[in-house]
Amino acid sequence: MSLSWRARRRWALALLLVGLPFYVVAAVSLLALFERPSIWLEFLVYVGLGLLWALPFKAIFTGIGRDDPEAPAPRDDVGKG
C-alpha cells in the first residue's frame, strides 16, 4: 500500500523538522569521536552522510513539491458571469 500525496507530504515535513536535526547531531557526534581529519576529508564525510540520510526516504520526498495529483482540477468558469 503506497502513501497518499498528503501523507507523504506530512512524513516529509516530520522528517525534515524532527529527523534531520537528530541526524545532524548524530553525524557531528560521530565525527567528534575521531581525531579531526583534513578539511577536505571532513567535508567529504559530511557530504556523504548528508546524502546517505535521504536515500531511504527517496519515495517519500518524490513529487511532494508539485500540486496534489488527487485534487480536483480548478474550474475555468469561476468568477465569470
C-alpha atoms as a PDB file:
ATOM      1  CA  MET A   1       0.000   0.000   0.000  1.00  0.00           C
ATOM      2  CA  SER A   2       1.518   3.314  -1.047  1.00  0.00           C
ATOM      3  CA  LEU A   3       1.104   6.521   0.860  1.00  0.00           C
ATOM      4  CA  SER A   4      -1.140   9.263  -0.435  1.00  0.00           C
ATOM      5  CA  TRP A   5       0.344  12.573  -1.549  1.00  0.00           C
ATOM      6  CA  ARG A   6      -0.894  14.262   1.628  1.00  0.00           C
ATOM      7  CA  ALA A   7       0.580  11.555   3.879  1.00  0.00           C
ATOM      8  CA  ARG A   8       3.920  11.688   2.061  1.00  0.00           C
ATOM      9  CA  ARG A   9       3.945  15.462   2.457  1.00  0.00           C
ATOM     10  CA  ARG A  10       3.314  15.180   6.210  1.00  0.00           C
ATOM     11  CA  TRP A  11       6.001  12.496   6.636  1.00  0.00           C
ATOM     12  CA  ALA A  12       8.483  14.605   4.659  1.00  0.00           C
ATOM     13  CA  LEU A  13       7.786  17.606   6.894  1.00  0.00           C
ATOM     14  CA  ALA A  14       8.228  15.489  10.026  1.00  0.00           C
ATOM     15  CA  LEU A  15      11.485  14.039   8.687  1.00  0.00           C
ATOM     16  CA  LEU A  16      12.859  17.489   7.873  1.00  0.00           C
ATOM     17  CA  LEU A  17      11.801  19.156  11.130  1.00  0.00           C
ATOM     18  CA  VAL A  18      12.478  16.326  13.579  1.00  0.00           C
ATOM     19  CA  GLY A  19      14.564  13.614  11.940  1.00  0.00           C
ATOM     20  CA  LEU A  20      17.143  15.753  10.175  1.00  0.00           C
ATOM     21  CA  PRO A  21      18.245  17.717  13.285  1.00  0.00           C
ATOM     22  CA  PHE A  22      18.707  14.431  15.165  1.00  0.00           C
ATOM     23  CA  TYR A  23      20.714  13.041  12.250  1.00  0.00           C
ATOM     24  CA  VAL A  24      22.922  16.144  12.132  1.00  0.00           C
ATOM     25  CA  VAL A  25      23.663  15.869  15.855  1.00  0.00           C
ATOM     26  CA  ALA A  26      24.437  12.157  15.458  1.00  0.00           C
ATOM     27  CA  ALA A  27      26.768  12.810  12.493  1.00  0.00           C
ATOM     28  CA  VAL A  28      28.663  15.574  14.299  1.00  0.00           C
ATOM     29  CA  SER A  29      28.924  13.446  17.445  1.00  0.00           C
ATOM     30  CA  LEU A  30      30.215  10.515  15.412  1.00  0.00           C
ATOM     31  CA  LEU A  31      32.940  12.609  13.785  1.00  0.00           C
ATOM     32  CA  ALA A  32      33.861  14.111  17.163  1.00  0.00           C
ATOM     33  CA  LEU A  33      34.890  10.633  18.356  1.00  0.00           C
ATOM     34  CA  PHE A  34      37.817  10.605  15.928  1.00  0.00           C
ATOM     35  CA  GLU A  35      40.849  12.828  15.576  1.00  0.00           C
ATOM     36  CA  ARG A  36      39.998  15.707  13.272  1.00  0.00           C
ATOM     37  CA  PRO A  37      40.869  14.768   9.658  1.00  0.00           C
ATOM     38  CA  SER A  38      41.910  17.184   6.943  1.00  0.00           C
ATOM     39  CA  ILE A  39      39.286  19.720   5.936  1.00  0.00           C
ATOM     40  CA  TRP A  40      38.649  18.025   2.571  1.00  0.00           C
ATOM     41  CA  LEU A  41      38.149  14.595   4.082  1.00  0.00           C
ATOM     42  CA  GLU A  42      35.862  16.050   6.730  1.00  0.00           C
ATOM     43  CA  PHE A  43      33.895  17.842   4.008  1.00  0.00           C
ATOM     44  CA  LEU A  44      33.537  14.621   2.001  1.00  0.00           C
ATOM     45  CA  VAL A  45      32.364  12.713   5.077  1.00  0.00           C
ATOM     46  CA  TYR A  46      29.699  15.340   5.823  1.00  0.00           C
ATOM     47  CA  VAL A  47      28.548  15.389   2.190  1.00  0.00           C
ATOM     48  CA  GLY A  48      28.399  11.601   2.153  1.00  0.00           C
ATOM     49  CA  LEU A  49      26.425  11.476   5.390  1.00  0.00           C
ATOM     50  CA  GLY A  50      24.163  14.236   4.075  1.00  0.00           C
ATOM     51  CA  LEU A  51      23.290  12.180   1.024  1.00  0.00           C
ATOM     52  CA  LEU A  52      23.077   8.931   2.957  1.00  0.00           C
ATOM     53  CA  TRP A  53      20.249  10.069   5.240  1.00  0.00           C
ATOM     54  CA  ALA A  54      17.945  10.915   2.334  1.00  0.00           C
ATOM     55  CA  LEU A  55      18.314   7.693   0.334  1.00  0.00           C
ATOM     56  CA  PRO A  56      15.913   5.578   2.426  1.00  0.00           C
ATOM     57  CA  PHE A  57      13.307   8.342   2.221  1.00  0.00           C
ATOM     58  CA  LYS A  58      13.502   8.954  -1.530  1.00  0.00           C
ATOM     59  CA  ALA A  59       9.983   7.586  -2.097  1.00  0.00           C
ATOM     60  CA  ILE A  60       8.555   9.962   0.495  1.00  0.00           C
ATOM     61  CA  PHE A  61      10.198  13.058  -0.983  1.00  0.00           C
ATOM     62  CA  THR A  62       9.337  12.248  -4.614  1.00  0.00           C
ATOM     63  CA  GLY A  63       6.738  14.637  -6.009  1.00  0.00           C
ATOM     64  CA  ILE A  64       5.774  16.485  -2.832  1.00  0.00           C
ATOM     65  CA  GLY A  65       6.755  19.832  -4.312  1.00  0.00           C
ATOM     66  CA  ARG A  66       4.106  19.536  -7.016  1.00  0.00           C
ATOM     67  CA  ASP A  67       0.378  20.144  -6.771  1.00  0.00           C
ATOM     68  CA  ASP A  68      -1.789  17.392  -5.322  1.00  0.00           C
ATOM     69  CA  PRO A  69      -2.492  14.983  -8.200  1.00  0.00           C
ATOM     70  CA  GLU A  70      -5.632  13.716  -6.437  1.00  0.00           C
ATOM     71  CA  ALA A  71      -7.178  17.177  -6.036  1.00  0.00           C
ATOM     72  CA  PRO A  72      -9.991  18.149  -8.381  1.00  0.00           C
ATOM     73  CA  ALA A  73      -8.972  20.353 -11.279  1.00  0.00           C
ATOM     74  CA  PRO A  74      -9.780  24.039 -10.839  1.00  0.00           C
ATOM     75  CA  ARG A  75     -12.771  25.267 -12.784  1.00  0.00           C
ATOM     76  CA  ASP A  76     -12.196  27.831 -15.510  1.00  0.00           C
ATOM     77  CA  ASP A  77     -15.618  29.442 -15.242  1.00  0.00           C
ATOM     78  CA  VAL A  78     -15.211  30.673 -11.653  1.00  0.00           C
ATOM     79  CA  GLY A  79     -15.854  34.400 -11.395  1.00  0.00           C
ATOM     80  CA  LYS A  80     -17.433  34.729 -14.838  1.00  0.00           C
ATOM     81  CA  GLY A  81     -20.962  35.932 -15.335  1.00  0.00           C
END
